C-alpha atoms as a PDB file:
ATOM      1  CA  MET A   1      20.708 -49.951 -38.900  1.00  0.00           C
ATOM      2  CA  LEU A   2      18.819 -46.746 -39.312  1.00  0.00           C
ATOM      3  CA  HIS A   3      15.121 -46.505 -40.064  1.00  0.00           C
ATOM      4  CA  TRP A   4      14.277 -43.224 -41.754  1.00  0.00           C
ATOM      5  CA  THR A   5      10.796 -41.742 -42.110  1.00  0.00           C
ATOM      6  CA  TRP A   6      10.582 -38.594 -44.218  1.00  0.00           C
ATOM      7  CA  GLN A   7       8.870 -35.734 -42.357  1.00  0.00           C
ATOM      8  CA  LYS A   8       7.391 -32.607 -43.873  1.00  0.00           C
ATOM      9  CA  THR A   9       9.483 -29.519 -43.107  1.00  0.00           C
ATOM     10  CA  LYS A  10       7.855 -27.571 -40.281  1.00  0.00           C
ATOM     11  CA  LEU A  11      10.402 -24.798 -39.687  1.00  0.00           C
ATOM     12  CA  GLN A  12       9.819 -22.710 -42.790  1.00  0.00           C
ATOM     13  CA  PRO A  13       8.905 -19.022 -43.308  1.00  0.00           C
ATOM     14  CA  ALA A  14       5.150 -19.715 -43.253  1.00  0.00           C
ATOM     15  CA  PHE A  15       5.592 -20.886 -39.627  1.00  0.00           C
ATOM     16  CA  THR A  16       8.595 -18.901 -38.379  1.00  0.00           C
ATOM     17  CA  GLY A  17       7.919 -15.572 -40.107  1.00  0.00           C
ATOM     18  CA  HIS A  18      11.500 -15.460 -41.417  1.00  0.00           C
ATOM     19  CA  THR A  19      14.072 -17.595 -43.195  1.00  0.00           C
ATOM     20  CA  MET A  20      16.446 -19.877 -41.332  1.00  0.00           C
ATOM     21  CA  CYS A  21      20.159 -19.332 -41.799  1.00  0.00           C
ATOM     22  CA  SER A  22      23.149 -20.907 -40.050  1.00  0.00           C
ATOM     23  CA  GLY A  23      22.738 -22.431 -36.617  1.00  0.00           C
ATOM     24  CA  THR A  24      22.812 -25.684 -34.683  1.00  0.00           C
ATOM     25  CA  GLY A  25      20.653 -28.107 -32.739  1.00  0.00           C
ATOM     26  CA  PHE A  26      20.874 -28.879 -29.036  1.00  0.00           C
ATOM     27  CA  ILE A  27      18.958 -30.433 -26.144  1.00  0.00           C
ATOM     28  CA  THR A  28      17.471 -28.070 -23.537  1.00  0.00           C
ATOM     29  CA  LYS A  29      18.030 -28.507 -19.790  1.00  0.00           C
ATOM     30  CA  ASP A  30      14.664 -30.256 -19.571  1.00  0.00           C
ATOM     31  CA  GLY A  31      15.623 -32.662 -22.387  1.00  0.00           C
ATOM     32  CA  ARG A  32      13.705 -31.130 -25.301  1.00  0.00           C
ATOM     33  CA  PRO A  33      15.213 -30.898 -28.813  1.00  0.00           C
ATOM     34  CA  ALA A  34      15.803 -27.311 -29.929  1.00  0.00           C
ATOM     35  CA  VAL A  35      17.518 -25.269 -32.639  1.00  0.00           C
ATOM     36  CA  ILE A  36      19.289 -21.937 -32.475  1.00  0.00           C
ATOM     37  CA  TYR A  37      19.744 -20.092 -35.768  1.00  0.00           C
ATOM     38  CA  HIS A  38      19.919 -16.712 -37.437  1.00  0.00           C
ATOM     39  CA  GLY A  39      16.428 -15.631 -38.501  1.00  0.00           C
ATOM     40  CA  GLY A  40      16.952 -14.049 -41.917  1.00  0.00           C
ATOM     41  CA  GLY A  41      15.013 -10.798 -42.097  1.00  0.00           C
ATOM     42  CA  SER A  42      14.295 -10.759 -38.351  1.00  0.00           C
ATOM     43  CA  ARG A  43      17.584  -9.047 -37.402  1.00  0.00           C
ATOM     44  CA  ARG A  44      17.870 -11.482 -34.493  1.00  0.00           C
ATOM     45  CA  ASN A  45      19.059 -14.952 -33.689  1.00  0.00           C
ATOM     46  CA  GLN A  46      16.143 -17.217 -32.807  1.00  0.00           C
ATOM     47  CA  ILE A  47      15.446 -20.361 -30.780  1.00  0.00           C
ATOM     48  CA  ALA A  48      12.746 -22.900 -31.614  1.00  0.00           C
ATOM     49  CA  ILE A  49      11.937 -25.750 -29.220  1.00  0.00           C
ATOM     50  CA  ALA A  50      10.299 -28.995 -30.295  1.00  0.00           C
ATOM     51  CA  LYS A  51       7.037 -30.016 -28.624  1.00  0.00           C
ATOM     52  CA  ASP A  52       7.933 -33.718 -28.859  1.00  0.00           C
ATOM     53  CA  HIS A  53      10.969 -35.975 -29.218  1.00  0.00           C
ATOM     54  CA  GLN A  54       9.971 -36.908 -32.757  1.00  0.00           C
ATOM     55  CA  ILE A  55      10.424 -33.189 -33.639  1.00  0.00           C
ATOM     56  CA  THR A  56       7.183 -33.206 -35.606  1.00  0.00           C
ATOM     57  CA  ALA A  57       5.692 -30.192 -33.801  1.00  0.00           C
ATOM     58  CA  TRP A  58       7.414 -26.987 -32.673  1.00  0.00           C
ATOM     59  CA  GLU A  59       6.773 -24.071 -30.339  1.00  0.00           C
ATOM     60  CA  PRO A  60       6.866 -20.753 -32.227  1.00  0.00           C
ATOM     61  CA  PRO A  61      10.459 -19.459 -32.360  1.00  0.00           C
ATOM     62  CA  PHE A  62      11.473 -16.583 -30.124  1.00  0.00           C
ATOM     63  CA  PRO A  63      14.267 -14.036 -30.595  1.00  0.00           C
ATOM     64  CA  ILE A  64      17.348 -13.929 -28.422  1.00  0.00           C
ATOM     65  CA  GLU A  65      17.519 -10.467 -26.861  1.00  0.00           C
ATOM     66  CA  PRO A  66      21.078  -9.998 -25.524  1.00  0.00           C
ATOM     67  CA  GLU A  67      21.591  -7.339 -22.885  1.00  0.00           C
ATOM     68  CA  PHE A  68      24.222  -6.089 -20.469  1.00  0.00           C
ATOM     69  CA  THR A  69      23.993  -7.145 -16.815  1.00  0.00           C
ATOM     70  CA  ASP A  70      22.392  -3.765 -16.014  1.00  0.00           C
ATOM     71  CA  GLY A  71      19.567  -4.557 -18.464  1.00  0.00           C
ATOM     72  CA  GLU A  72      20.713  -2.213 -21.241  1.00  0.00           C
ATOM     73  CA  GLU A  73      20.299  -3.674 -24.729  1.00  0.00           C
ATOM     74  CA  LEU A  74      23.508  -5.006 -26.235  1.00  0.00           C
ATOM     75  CA  GLU A  75      24.048  -3.847 -29.819  1.00  0.00           C
ATOM     76  CA  ILE A  76      25.738  -6.696 -31.695  1.00  0.00           C
ATOM     77  CA  LYS A  77      25.723  -8.200 -35.162  1.00  0.00           C
ATOM     78  CA  TYR A  78      23.689 -11.410 -35.349  1.00  0.00           C
ATOM     79  CA  TRP A  79      25.355 -14.204 -37.296  1.00  0.00           C
ATOM     80  CA  ASP A  80      26.250 -17.869 -36.936  1.00  0.00           C
ATOM     81  CA  PRO A  81      24.741 -18.592 -33.502  1.00  0.00           C
ATOM     82  CA  ASP A  82      25.783 -21.597 -31.462  1.00  0.00           C
ATOM     83  CA  CYS A  83      24.695 -22.872 -28.087  1.00  0.00           C
ATOM     84  CA  PHE A  84      26.562 -24.942 -25.528  1.00  0.00           C
END
C-alpha cells in the first residue's frame, strides 16, 4: 500500500530562477535526494539537492559547469541531462 500526501511544488521558477525541463532524480553519495535537469533560460544544466528525505525543502540549484581537464571551459549544447 502507498500513502500519498500532496506537497506544494517547491522547484518552480520563483525559487529556481528558471524553468525546469527534462532531467532525472538520483541519490547523492551522501544519501541525499537530488535532481539534475535542463534549466530553461539559464543556458545550463542544473542540480538541486533536497535538504531532507521528505524532499520538502531544497538547496538553491547550481549550474553544471563542464570543462576540459586543463580547466578550459567546454562549449557544449545543454539538453536532456542524466546522472549515474
